[in-house]
Amino acid sequence: MFLYDDKEFLGKKIKQLRVNAKLSQAELSEKIGMTEKNLSNIERGLQVPALNSFLKMLDVLNISLSEFGVSTNETENKSRDELIKEIYLANPNEIEAYLKIIKTIKEIK
């Protein structure tokens, strides 16, 4: 659940985290596969990033969803956040492998 769903808040937070990571807009946009113009629009609160791009930002900036007021349950669960991020960043082959592993684990129980 998002505690903050404001585009301006999201943009300012992304910019702050990017600057803290000592990355330029050009560097971050290249690392996440986004145009510099789109990143600029996001940081200025004019648009929100696509979920996949947002999760790539989290990965590149080495931050968790909780930085943005996102909670997957009542208490912070870093393992769950990391798992969700891995799944969203996975390619189709990795998703199939993750699914097989999860099904196998459920069968063992």
PDB file of N, CA and C in Angstrom:
ATOM      1  N   MET A   1       0.845  -1.180   0.000  1.00  0.00           N
ATOM      2  CA  MET A   1       0.000   0.000   0.000  1.00  0.00           C
ATOM      3  C   MET A   1       0.889   1.241   0.000  1.00  0.00           C
ATOM      4  N   PHE A   2       0.582   2.211  -0.841  1.00  0.00           N
ATOM      5  CA  PHE A   2       1.331   3.452  -0.855  1.00  0.00           C
ATOM      6  C   PHE A   2       0.808   4.386   0.211  1.00  0.00           C
ATOM      7  N   LEU A   3       1.714   4.881   1.031  1.00  0.00           N
ATOM      8  CA  LEU A   3       1.327   5.911   1.983  1.00  0.00           C
ATOM      9  C   LEU A   3       1.342   7.265   1.291  1.00  0.00           C
ATOM     10  N   TYR A   4       2.203   7.376   0.285  1.00  0.00           N
ATOM     11  CA  TYR A   4       2.309   8.611  -0.470  1.00  0.00           C
ATOM     12  C   TYR A   4       2.057   8.276  -1.929  1.00  0.00           C
ATOM     13  N   ASP A   5       1.029   8.862  -2.534  1.00  0.00           N
ATOM     14  CA  ASP A   5       0.784   8.598  -3.944  1.00  0.00           C
ATOM     15  C   ASP A   5       0.905   9.868  -4.779  1.00  0.00           C
ATOM     16  N   ASP A   6       1.574  10.853  -4.253  1.00  0.00           N
ATOM     17  CA  ASP A   6       1.737  12.140  -4.889  1.00  0.00           C
ATOM     18  C   ASP A   6       2.930  12.106  -5.852  1.00  0.00           C
ATOM     19  N   LYS A   7       2.711  12.505  -7.121  1.00  0.00           N
ATOM     20  CA  LYS A   7       3.784  12.498  -8.117  1.00  0.00           C
ATOM     21  C   LYS A   7       4.938  13.409  -7.714  1.00  0.00           C
ATOM     22  N   GLU A   8       4.594  14.542  -7.111  1.00  0.00           N
ATOM     23  CA  GLU A   8       5.636  15.484  -6.705  1.00  0.00           C
ATOM     24  C   GLU A   8       6.509  14.883  -5.609  1.00  0.00           C
ATOM     25  N   PHE A   9       5.890  14.231  -4.624  1.00  0.00           N
ATOM     26  CA  PHE A   9       6.652  13.574  -3.563  1.00  0.00           C
ATOM     27  C   PHE A   9       7.577  12.522  -4.164  1.00  0.00           C
ATOM     28  N   LEU A  10       7.025  11.694  -5.045  1.00  0.00           N
ATOM     29  CA  LEU A  10       7.790  10.628  -5.661  1.00  0.00           C
ATOM     30  C   LEU A  10       8.978  11.192  -6.433  1.00  0.00           C
ATOM     31  N   GLY A  11       8.743  12.215  -7.228  1.00  0.00           N
ATOM     32  CA  GLY A  11       9.809  12.828  -8.016  1.00  0.00           C
ATOM     33  C   GLY A  11      10.908  13.422  -7.164  1.00  0.00           C
ATOM     34  N   LYS A  12      10.519  14.155  -6.107  1.00  0.00           N
ATOM     35  CA  LYS A  12      11.522  14.759  -5.220  1.00  0.00           C
ATOM     36  C   LYS A  12      12.346  13.687  -4.515  1.00  0.00           C
ATOM     37  N   LYS A  13      11.686  12.611  -4.115  1.00  0.00           N
ATOM     38  CA  LYS A  13      12.376  11.529  -3.420  1.00  0.00           C
ATOM     39  C   LYS A  13      13.367  10.839  -4.356  1.00  0.00           C
ATOM     40  N   ILE A  14      12.951  10.574  -5.585  1.00  0.00           N
ATOM     41  CA  ILE A  14      13.846   9.951  -6.559  1.00  0.00           C
ATOM     42  C   ILE A  14      15.054  10.847  -6.809  1.00  0.00           C
ATOM     43  N   LYS A  15      14.819  12.132  -6.983  1.00  0.00           N
ATOM     44  CA  LYS A  15      15.931  13.058  -7.219  1.00  0.00           C
ATOM     45  C   LYS A  15      16.881  13.073  -6.033  1.00  0.00           C
ATOM     46  N   GLN A  16      16.336  13.134  -4.831  1.00  0.00           N
ATOM     47  CA  GLN A  16      17.164  13.156  -3.619  1.00  0.00           C
ATOM     48  C   GLN A  16      18.033  11.899  -3.547  1.00  0.00           C
ATOM     49  N   LEU A  17      17.435  10.750  -3.800  1.00  0.00           N
ATOM     50  CA  LEU A  17      18.176   9.492  -3.734  1.00  0.00           C
ATOM     51  C   LEU A  17      19.221   9.400  -4.843  1.00  0.00           C
ATOM     52  N   ARG A  18      18.901   9.908  -6.026  1.00  0.00           N
ATOM     53  CA  ARG A  18      19.860   9.917  -7.132  1.00  0.00           C
ATOM     54  C   ARG A  18      21.061  10.798  -6.805  1.00  0.00           C
ATOM     55  N   VAL A  19      20.784  11.988  -6.281  1.00  0.00           N
ATOM     56  CA  VAL A  19      21.863  12.916  -5.911  1.00  0.00           C
ATOM     57  C   VAL A  19      22.713  12.310  -4.794  1.00  0.00           C
ATOM     58  N   ASN A  20      22.055  11.690  -3.802  1.00  0.00           N
ATOM     59  CA  ASN A  20      22.790  11.043  -2.714  1.00  0.00           C
ATOM     60  C   ASN A  20      23.705   9.935  -3.232  1.00  0.00           C
ATOM     61  N   ALA A  21      23.274   9.271  -4.307  1.00  0.00           N
ATOM     62  CA  ALA A  21      24.068   8.199  -4.911  1.00  0.00           C
ATOM     63  C   ALA A  21      25.143   8.755  -5.848  1.00  0.00           C
ATOM     64  N   LYS A  22      25.198  10.079  -5.971  1.00  0.00           N
ATOM     65  CA  LYS A  22      26.173  10.769  -6.821  1.00  0.00           C
ATOM     66  C   LYS A  22      26.064  10.340  -8.285  1.00  0.00           C
ATOM     67  N   LEU A  23      24.812  10.236  -8.753  1.00  0.00           N
ATOM     68  CA  LEU A  23      24.552   9.902 -10.148  1.00  0.00           C
ATOM     69  C   LEU A  23      23.888  11.092 -10.838  1.00  0.00           C
ATOM     70  N   SER A  24      24.272  11.335 -12.080  1.00  0.00           N
ATOM     71  CA  SER A  24      23.586  12.358 -12.869  1.00  0.00           C
ATOM     72  C   SER A  24      22.305  11.739 -13.425  1.00  0.00           C
ATOM     73  N   GLN A  25      21.435  12.596 -13.948  1.00  0.00           N
ATOM     74  CA  GLN A  25      20.233  12.075 -14.596  1.00  0.00           C
ATOM     75  C   GLN A  25      20.614  11.172 -15.763  1.00  0.00           C
ATOM     76  N   ALA A  26      21.635  11.563 -16.493  1.00  0.00           N
ATOM     77  CA  ALA A  26      22.070  10.761 -17.646  1.00  0.00           C
ATOM     78  C   ALA A  26      22.549   9.385 -17.202  1.00  0.00           C
ATOM     79  N   GLU A  27      23.303   9.334 -16.117  1.00  0.00           N
ATOM     80  CA  GLU A  27      23.828   8.050 -15.625  1.00  0.00           C
ATOM     81  C   GLU A  27      22.704   7.134 -15.141  1.00  0.00           C
ATOM     82  N   LEU A  28      21.793   7.687 -14.331  1.00  0.00           N
ATOM     83  CA  LEU A  28      20.705   6.861 -13.818  1.00  0.00           C
ATOM     84  C   LEU A  28      19.788   6.407 -14.944  1.00  0.00           C
ATOM     85  N   SER A  29      19.449   7.317 -15.843  1.00  0.00           N
ATOM     86  CA  SER A  29      18.536   6.937 -16.933  1.00  0.00           C
ATOM     87  C   SER A  29      19.152   5.853 -17.805  1.00  0.00           C
ATOM     88  N   GLU A  30      20.452   5.906 -18.039  1.00  0.00           N
ATOM     89  CA  GLU A  30      21.114   4.869 -18.829  1.00  0.00           C
ATOM     90  C   GLU A  30      21.071   3.523 -18.108  1.00  0.00           C
ATOM     91  N   LYS A  31      21.309   3.527 -16.805  1.00  0.00           N
ATOM     92  CA  LYS A  31      21.336   2.286 -16.022  1.00  0.00           C
ATOM     93  C   LYS A  31      19.972   1.607 -15.958  1.00  0.00           C
ATOM     94  N   ILE A  32      18.896   2.390 -16.052  1.00  0.00           N
ATOM     95  CA  ILE A  32      17.562   1.795 -15.938  1.00  0.00           C
ATOM     96  C   ILE A  32      16.838   1.700 -17.279  1.00  0.00           C
ATOM     97  N   GLY A  33      17.508   2.119 -18.356  1.00  0.00           N
ATOM     98  CA  GLY A  33      16.907   1.996 -19.681  1.00  0.00           C
ATOM     99  C   GLY A  33      15.771   2.973 -19.931  1.00  0.00           C
ATOM    100  N   MET A  34      15.968   4.199 -19.499  1.00  0.00           N
ATOM    101  CA  MET A  34      14.945   5.241 -19.638  1.00  0.00           C
ATOM    102  C   MET A  34      15.615   6.458 -20.271  1.00  0.00           C
ATOM    103  N   THR A  35      14.847   7.265 -20.983  1.00  0.00           N
ATOM    104  CA  THR A  35      15.441   8.482 -21.526  1.00  0.00           C
ATOM    105  C   THR A  35      15.665   9.487 -20.403  1.00  0.00           C
ATOM    106  N   GLU A  36      16.644  10.329 -20.597  1.00  0.00           N
ATOM    107  CA  GLU A  36      16.938  11.366 -19.601  1.00  0.00           C
ATOM    108  C   GLU A  36      15.742  12.317 -19.452  1.00  0.00           C
ATOM    109  N   LYS A  37      15.050  12.581 -20.555  1.00  0.00           N
ATOM    110  CA  LYS A  37      13.875  13.455 -20.510  1.00  0.00           C
ATOM    111  C   LYS A  37      12.789  12.850 -19.623  1.00  0.00           C
ATOM    112  N   ASN A  38      12.538  11.539 -19.747  1.00  0.00           N
ATOM    113  CA  ASN A  38      11.534  10.893 -18.893  1.00  0.00           C
ATOM    114  C   ASN A  38      11.922  10.984 -17.421  1.00  0.00           C
ATOM    115  N   LEU A  39      13.198  10.744 -17.121  1.00  0.00           N
ATOM    116  CA  LEU A  39      13.655  10.840 -15.737  1.00  0.00           C
ATOM    117  C   LEU A  39      13.478  12.263 -15.218  1.00  0.00           C
ATOM    118  N   SER A  40      13.787  13.242 -16.046  1.00  0.00           N
ATOM    119  CA  SER A  40      13.591  14.637 -15.656  1.00  0.00           C
ATOM    120  C   SER A  40      12.122  14.915 -15.354  1.00  0.00           C
ATOM    121  N   ASN A  41      11.224  14.428 -16.212  1.00  0.00           N
ATOM    122  CA  ASN A  41       9.789  14.622 -15.984  1.00  0.00           C
ATOM    123  C   ASN A  41       9.333  13.961 -14.687  1.00  0.00           C
ATOM    124  N   ILE A  42       9.887  12.795 -14.387  1.00  0.00           N
ATOM    125  CA  ILE A  42       9.544  12.099 -13.145  1.00  0.00           C
ATOM    126  C   ILE A  42      10.022  12.921 -11.950  1.00  0.00           C
ATOM    127  N   GLU A  43      11.268  13.365 -11.996  1.00  0.00           N
ATOM    128  CA  GLU A  43      11.828  14.131 -10.876  1.00  0.00           C
ATOM    129  C   GLU A  43      11.099  15.460 -10.666  1.00  0.00           C
ATOM    130  N   ARG A  44      10.531  16.002 -11.718  1.00  0.00           N
ATOM    131  CA  ARG A  44       9.784  17.257 -11.580  1.00  0.00           C
ATOM    132  C   ARG A  44       8.322  17.031 -11.231  1.00  0.00           C
ATOM    133  N   GLY A  45       7.939  15.768 -11.076  1.00  0.00           N
ATOM    134  CA  GLY A  45       6.571  15.456 -10.679  1.00  0.00           C
ATOM    135  C   GLY A  45       5.558  15.538 -11.795  1.00  0.00           C
ATOM    136  N   LEU A  46       6.032  15.483 -13.045  1.00  0.00           N
ATOM    137  CA  LEU A  46       5.124  15.576 -14.184  1.00  0.00           C
ATOM    138  C   LEU A  46       4.589  14.215 -14.618  1.00  0.00           C
ATOM    139  N   GLN A  47       5.287  13.157 -14.271  1.00  0.00           N
ATOM    140  CA  GLN A  47       4.841  11.807 -14.593  1.00  0.00           C
ATOM    141  C   GLN A  47       5.395  10.843 -13.555  1.00  0.00           C
ATOM    142  N   VAL A  48       4.843   9.647 -13.528  1.00  0.00           N
ATOM    143  CA  VAL A  48       5.340   8.607 -12.627  1.00  0.00           C
ATOM    144  C   VAL A  48       6.037   7.544 -13.468  1.00  0.00           C
ATOM    145  N   PRO A  49       7.035   6.881 -12.899  1.00  0.00           N
ATOM    146  CA  PRO A  49       7.721   5.850 -13.672  1.00  0.00           C
ATOM    147  C   PRO A  49       6.863   4.599 -13.806  1.00  0.00           C
ATOM    148  N   ALA A  50       7.084   3.864 -14.876  1.00  0.00           N
ATOM    149  CA  ALA A  50       6.472   2.547 -15.009  1.00  0.00           C
ATOM    150  C   ALA A  50       7.006   1.680 -13.881  1.00  0.00           C
ATOM    151  N   LEU A  51       6.217   0.716 -13.463  1.00  0.00           N
ATOM    152  CA  LEU A  51       6.609  -0.122 -12.331  1.00  0.00           C
ATOM    153  C   LEU A  51       7.971  -0.771 -12.546  1.00  0.00           C
ATOM    154  N   ASN A  52       8.215  -1.315 -13.724  1.00  0.00           N
ATOM    155  CA  ASN A  52       9.493  -1.961 -13.997  1.00  0.00           C
ATOM    156  C   ASN A  52      10.651  -0.970 -13.879  1.00  0.00           C
ATOM    157  N   SER A  53      10.463   0.232 -14.409  1.00  0.00           N
ATOM    158  CA  SER A  53      11.505   1.262 -14.309  1.00  0.00           C
ATOM    159  C   SER A  53      11.722   1.678 -12.858  1.00  0.00           C
ATOM    160  N   PHE A  54      10.626   1.804 -12.114  1.00  0.00           N
ATOM    161  CA  PHE A  54      10.722   2.170 -10.704  1.00  0.00           C
ATOM    162  C   PHE A  54      11.513   1.118  -9.928  1.00  0.00           C
ATOM    163  N   LEU A  55      11.228  -0.154 -10.189  1.00  0.00           N
ATOM    164  CA  LEU A  55      11.938  -1.220  -9.493  1.00  0.00           C
ATOM    165  C   LEU A  55      13.407  -1.279  -9.897  1.00  0.00           C
ATOM    166  N   LYS A  56      13.700  -0.965 -11.148  1.00  0.00           N
ATOM    167  CA  LYS A  56      15.102  -0.889 -11.572  1.00  0.00           C
ATOM    168  C   LYS A  56      15.806   0.251 -10.839  1.00  0.00           C
ATOM    169  N   MET A  57      15.099   1.379 -10.645  1.00  0.00           N
ATOM    170  CA  MET A  57      15.671   2.497  -9.884  1.00  0.00           C
ATOM    171  C   MET A  57      16.022   2.062  -8.469  1.00  0.00           C
ATOM    172  N   LEU A  58      15.095   1.352  -7.842  1.00  0.00           N
ATOM    173  CA  LEU A  58      15.338   0.863  -6.487  1.00  0.00           C
ATOM    174  C   LEU A  58      16.598   0.016  -6.442  1.00  0.00           C
ATOM    175  N   ASP A  59      16.743  -0.839  -7.446  1.00  0.00           N
ATOM    176  CA  ASP A  59      17.898  -1.723  -7.500  1.00  0.00           C
ATOM    177  C   ASP A  59      19.188  -0.930  -7.693  1.00  0.00           C
ATOM    178  N   VAL A  60      19.199  -0.031  -8.663  1.00  0.00           N
ATOM    179  CA  VAL A  60      20.396   0.768  -8.961  1.00  0.00           C
ATOM    180  C   VAL A  60      20.765   1.655  -7.774  1.00  0.00           C
ATOM    181  N   LEU A  61      19.764   2.248  -7.139  1.00  0.00           N
ATOM    182  CA  LEU A  61      20.018   3.145  -6.008  1.00  0.00           C
ATOM    183  C   LEU A  61      20.180   2.393  -4.686  1.00  0.00           C
ATOM    184  N   ASN A  62      19.987   1.073  -4.735  1.00  0.00           N
ATOM    185  CA  ASN A  62      20.133   0.204  -3.566  1.00  0.00           C
ATOM    186  C   ASN A  62      19.257   0.667  -2.398  1.00  0.00           C
ATOM    187  N   ILE A  63      17.963   0.833  -2.690  1.00  0.00           N
ATOM    188  CA  ILE A  63      17.014   1.255  -1.659  1.00  0.00           C
ATOM    189  C   ILE A  63      15.810   0.326  -1.655  1.00  0.00           C
ATOM    190  N   SER A  64      15.038   0.383  -0.577  1.00  0.00           N
ATOM    191  CA  SER A  64      13.868  -0.483  -0.460  1.00  0.00           C
ATOM    192  C   SER A  64      12.586   0.305  -0.733  1.00  0.00           C
ATOM    193  N   LEU A  65      11.514  -0.433  -0.914  1.00  0.00           N
ATOM    194  CA  LEU A  65      10.213   0.184  -1.141  1.00  0.00           C
ATOM    195  C   LEU A  65       9.779   1.053   0.034  1.00  0.00           C
ATOM    196  N   SER A  66      10.238   0.734   1.229  1.00  0.00           N
ATOM    197  CA  SER A  66       9.834   1.497   2.410  1.00  0.00           C
ATOM    198  C   SER A  66      10.278   2.958   2.340  1.00  0.00           C
ATOM    199  N   GLU A  67      11.321   3.257   1.541  1.00  0.00           N
ATOM    200  CA  GLU A  67      11.765   4.648   1.350  1.00  0.00           C
ATOM    201  C   GLU A  67      10.646   5.515   0.755  1.00  0.00           C
ATOM    202  N   PHE A  68       9.706   4.869   0.074  1.00  0.00           N
ATOM    203  CA  PHE A  68       8.623   5.573  -0.596  1.00  0.00           C
ATOM    204  C   PHE A  68       7.286   5.405   0.105  1.00  0.00           C
ATOM    205  N   GLY A  69       7.331   4.912   1.336  1.00  0.00           N
ATOM    206  CA  GLY A  69       6.095   4.743   2.080  1.00  0.00           C
ATOM    207  C   GLY A  69       5.303   3.528   1.650  1.00  0.00           C
ATOM    208  N   VAL A  70       5.979   2.551   1.049  1.00  0.00           N
ATOM    209  CA  VAL A  70       5.314   1.331   0.609  1.00  0.00           C
ATOM    210  C   VAL A  70       5.512   0.266   1.667  1.00  0.00           C
ATOM    211  N   SER A  71       4.423  -0.369   2.021  1.00  0.00           N
ATOM    212  CA  SER A  71       4.489  -1.444   2.993  1.00  0.00           C
ATOM    213  C   SER A  71       3.761  -2.652   2.436  1.00  0.00           C
ATOM    214  N   THR A  72       4.393  -3.813   2.518  1.00  0.00           N
ATOM    215  CA  THR A  72       3.752  -5.025   2.041  1.00  0.00           C
ATOM    216  C   THR A  72       2.932  -5.681   3.141  1.00  0.00           C
ATOM    217  N   ASN A  73       3.121  -5.256   4.355  1.00  0.00           N
ATOM    218  CA  ASN A  73       2.315  -5.719   5.489  1.00  0.00           C
ATOM    219  C   ASN A  73       2.469  -4.709   6.632  1.00  0.00           C
ATOM    220  N   GLU A  74       1.965  -5.039   7.793  1.00  0.00           N
ATOM    221  CA  GLU A  74       1.990  -4.084   8.907  1.00  0.00           C
ATOM    222  C   GLU A  74       3.398  -3.719   9.357  1.00  0.00           C
ATOM    223  N   THR A  75       4.321  -4.655   9.292  1.00  0.00           N
ATOM    224  CA  THR A  75       5.699  -4.379   9.661  1.00  0.00           C
ATOM    225  C   THR A  75       6.570  -4.501   8.428  1.00  0.00           C
ATOM    226  N   GLU A  76       7.690  -3.829   8.456  1.00  0.00           N
ATOM    227  CA  GLU A  76       8.591  -3.876   7.308  1.00  0.00           C
ATOM    228  C   GLU A  76       9.129  -5.295   7.144  1.00  0.00           C
ATOM    229  N   ASN A  77       9.105  -5.792   5.931  1.00  0.00           N
ATOM    230  CA  ASN A  77       9.575  -7.134   5.645  1.00  0.00           C
ATOM    231  C   ASN A  77      10.549  -7.040   4.471  1.00  0.00           C
ATOM    232  N   LYS A  78      11.825  -6.915   4.781  1.00  0.00           N
ATOM    233  CA  LYS A  78      12.832  -6.703   3.743  1.00  0.00           C
ATOM    234  C   LYS A  78      12.948  -7.891   2.800  1.00  0.00           C
ATOM    235  N   SER A  79      12.782  -9.110   3.314  1.00  0.00           N
ATOM    236  CA  SER A  79      12.864 -10.291   2.448  1.00  0.00           C
ATOM    237  C   SER A  79      11.750 -10.279   1.417  1.00  0.00           C
ATOM    238  N   ARG A  80      10.544  -9.914   1.834  1.00  0.00           N
ATOM    239  CA  ARG A  80       9.416  -9.857   0.903  1.00  0.00           C
ATOM    240  C   ARG A  80       9.656  -8.766  -0.139  1.00  0.00           C
ATOM    241  N   ASP A  81      10.121  -7.596   0.297  1.00  0.00           N
ATOM    242  CA  ASP A  81      10.417  -6.507  -0.638  1.00  0.00           C
ATOM    243  C   ASP A  81      11.454  -6.950  -1.664  1.00  0.00           C
ATOM    244  N   GLU A  82      12.497  -7.635  -1.197  1.00  0.00           N
ATOM    245  CA  GLU A  82      13.553  -8.090  -2.097  1.00  0.00           C
ATOM    246  C   GLU A  82      13.017  -9.119  -3.092  1.00  0.00           C
ATOM    247  N   LEU A  83      12.179 -10.037  -2.616  1.00  0.00           N
ATOM    248  CA  LEU A  83      11.594 -11.049  -3.493  1.00  0.00           C
ATOM    249  C   LEU A  83      10.712 -10.408  -4.560  1.00  0.00           C
ATOM    250  N   ILE A  84       9.869  -9.477  -4.150  1.00  0.00           N
ATOM    251  CA  ILE A  84       8.989  -8.788  -5.101  1.00  0.00           C
ATOM    252  C   ILE A  84       9.816  -8.058  -6.156  1.00  0.00           C
ATOM    253  N   LYS A  85      10.862  -7.391  -5.715  1.00  0.00           N
ATOM    254  CA  LYS A  85      11.726  -6.660  -6.639  1.00  0.00           C
ATOM    255  C   LYS A  85      12.397  -7.616  -7.626  1.00  0.00           C
ATOM    256  N   GLU A  86      12.890  -8.749  -7.148  1.00  0.00           N
ATOM    257  CA  GLU A  86      13.538  -9.734  -8.020  1.00  0.00           C
ATOM    258  C   GLU A  86      12.570 -10.260  -9.073  1.00  0.00           C
ATOM    259  N   ILE A  87      11.349 -10.519  -8.662  1.00  0.00           N
ATOM    260  CA  ILE A  87      10.354 -11.040  -9.609  1.00  0.00           C
ATOM    261  C   ILE A  87      10.043 -10.004 -10.687  1.00  0.00           C
ATOM    262  N   TYR A  88       9.860  -8.757 -10.301  1.00  0.00           N
ATOM    263  CA  TYR A  88       9.545  -7.724 -11.292  1.00  0.00           C
ATOM    264  C   TYR A  88      10.692  -7.438 -12.237  1.00  0.00           C
ATOM    265  N   LEU A  89      11.915  -7.662 -11.785  1.00  0.00           N
ATOM    266  CA  LEU A  89      13.071  -7.397 -12.636  1.00  0.00           C
ATOM    267  C   LEU A  89      13.483  -8.621 -13.458  1.00  0.00           C
ATOM    268  N   ALA A  90      12.851  -9.763 -13.199  1.00  0.00           N
ATOM    269  CA  ALA A  90      13.236 -11.016 -13.842  1.00  0.00           C
ATOM    270  C   ALA A  90      12.835 -11.062 -15.310  1.00  0.00           C
ATOM    271  N   ASN A  91      13.641 -11.789 -16.068  1.00  0.00           N
ATOM    272  CA  ASN A  91      13.272 -12.043 -17.460  1.00  0.00           C
ATOM    273  C   ASN A  91      12.340 -13.248 -17.484  1.00  0.00           C
ATOM    274  N   PRO A  92      11.708 -13.545 -18.610  1.00  0.00           N
ATOM    275  CA  PRO A  92      10.733 -14.650 -18.664  1.00  0.00           C
ATOM    276  C   PRO A  92      11.292 -16.006 -18.213  1.00  0.00           C
ATOM    277  N   ASN A  93      12.526 -16.319 -18.563  1.00  0.00           N
ATOM    278  CA  ASN A  93      13.120 -17.598 -18.146  1.00  0.00           C
ATOM    279  C   ASN A  93      13.287 -17.658 -16.629  1.00  0.00           C
ATOM    280  N   GLU A  94      13.710 -16.556 -16.037  1.00  0.00           N
ATOM    281  CA  GLU A  94      13.877 -16.516 -14.579  1.00  0.00           C
ATOM    282  C   GLU A  94      12.524 -16.656 -13.880  1.00  0.00           C
ATOM    283  N   ILE A  95      11.499 -16.033 -14.423  1.00  0.00           N
ATOM    284  CA  ILE A  95      10.162 -16.137 -13.827  1.00  0.00           C
ATOM    285  C   ILE A  95       9.702 -17.588 -13.824  1.00  0.00           C
ATOM    286  N   GLU A  96       9.908 -18.296 -14.932  1.00  0.00           N
ATOM    287  CA  GLU A  96       9.547 -19.714 -14.999  1.00  0.00           C
ATOM    288  C   GLU A  96      10.313 -20.514 -13.951  1.00  0.00           C
ATOM    289  N   ALA A  97      11.596 -20.222 -13.788  1.00  0.00           N
ATOM    290  CA  ALA A  97      12.408 -20.931 -12.790  1.00  0.00           C
ATOM    291  C   ALA A  97      11.907 -20.637 -11.378  1.00  0.00           C
ATOM    292  N   TYR A  98      11.603 -19.370 -11.094  1.00  0.00           N
ATOM    293  CA  TYR A  98      11.083 -19.005  -9.765  1.00  0.00           C
ATOM    294  C   TYR A  98       9.776 -19.737  -9.484  1.00  0.00           C
ATOM    295  N   LEU A  99       8.912 -19.789 -10.486  1.00  0.00           N
ATOM    296  CA  LEU A  99       7.628 -20.450 -10.325  1.00  0.00           C
ATOM    297  C   LEU A  99       7.797 -21.942 -10.023  1.00  0.00           C
ATOM    298  N   LYS A 100       8.720 -22.599 -10.735  1.00  0.00           N
ATOM    299  CA  LYS A 100       8.987 -24.018 -10.479  1.00  0.00           C
ATOM    300  C   LYS A 100       9.505 -24.228  -9.059  1.00  0.00           C
ATOM    301  N   ILE A 101      10.390 -23.351  -8.617  1.00  0.00           N
ATOM    302  CA  ILE A 101      10.938 -23.464  -7.255  1.00  0.00           C
ATOM    303  C   ILE A 101       9.835 -23.306  -6.219  1.00  0.00           C
ATOM    304  N   ILE A 102       8.969 -22.312  -6.406  1.00  0.00           N
ATOM    305  CA  ILE A 102       7.890 -22.073  -5.455  1.00  0.00           C
ATOM    306  C   ILE A 102       6.928 -23.270  -5.418  1.00  0.00           C
ATOM    307  N   LYS A 103       6.587 -23.796  -6.586  1.00  0.00           N
ATOM    308  CA  LYS A 103       5.697 -24.964  -6.641  1.00  0.00           C
ATOM    309  C   LYS A 103       6.335 -26.169  -5.945  1.00  0.00           C
ATOM    310  N   THR A 104       7.624 -26.366  -6.148  1.00  0.00           N
ATOM    311  CA  THR A 104       8.336 -27.473  -5.505  1.00  0.00           C
ATOM    312  C   THR A 104       8.324 -27.319  -3.988  1.00  0.00           C
ATOM    313  N   ILE A 105       8.574 -26.130  -3.517  1.00  0.00           N
ATOM    314  CA  ILE A 105       8.568 -25.871  -2.071  1.00  0.00           C
ATOM    315  C   ILE A 105       7.183 -26.130  -1.491  1.00  0.00           C
ATOM    316  N   LYS A 106       6.148 -25.701  -2.189  1.00  0.00           N
ATOM    317  CA  LYS A 106       4.775 -25.924  -1.707  1.00  0.00           C
ATOM    318  C   LYS A 106       4.430 -27.413  -1.665  1.00  0.00           C
ATOM    319  N   GLU A 107       4.937 -28.176  -2.628  1.00  0.00           N
ATOM    320  CA  GLU A 107       4.691 -29.622  -2.636  1.00  0.00           C
ATOM    321  C   GLU A 107       5.365 -30.316  -1.465  1.00  0.00           C
ATOM    322  N   ILE A 108       6.518 -29.819  -1.047  1.00  0.00           N
ATOM    323  CA  ILE A 108       7.255 -30.401   0.076  1.00  0.00           C
ATOM    324  C   ILE A 108       6.500 -30.214   1.380  1.00  0.00           C
ATOM    325  N   LYS A 109       5.838 -29.071   1.512  1.00  0.00           N
ATOM    326  CA  LYS A 109       5.088 -28.783   2.749  1.00  0.00           C
ATOM    327  C   LYS A 109       3.987 -29.751   2.849  1.00  0.00           C
TER     328      LYS A 109
END
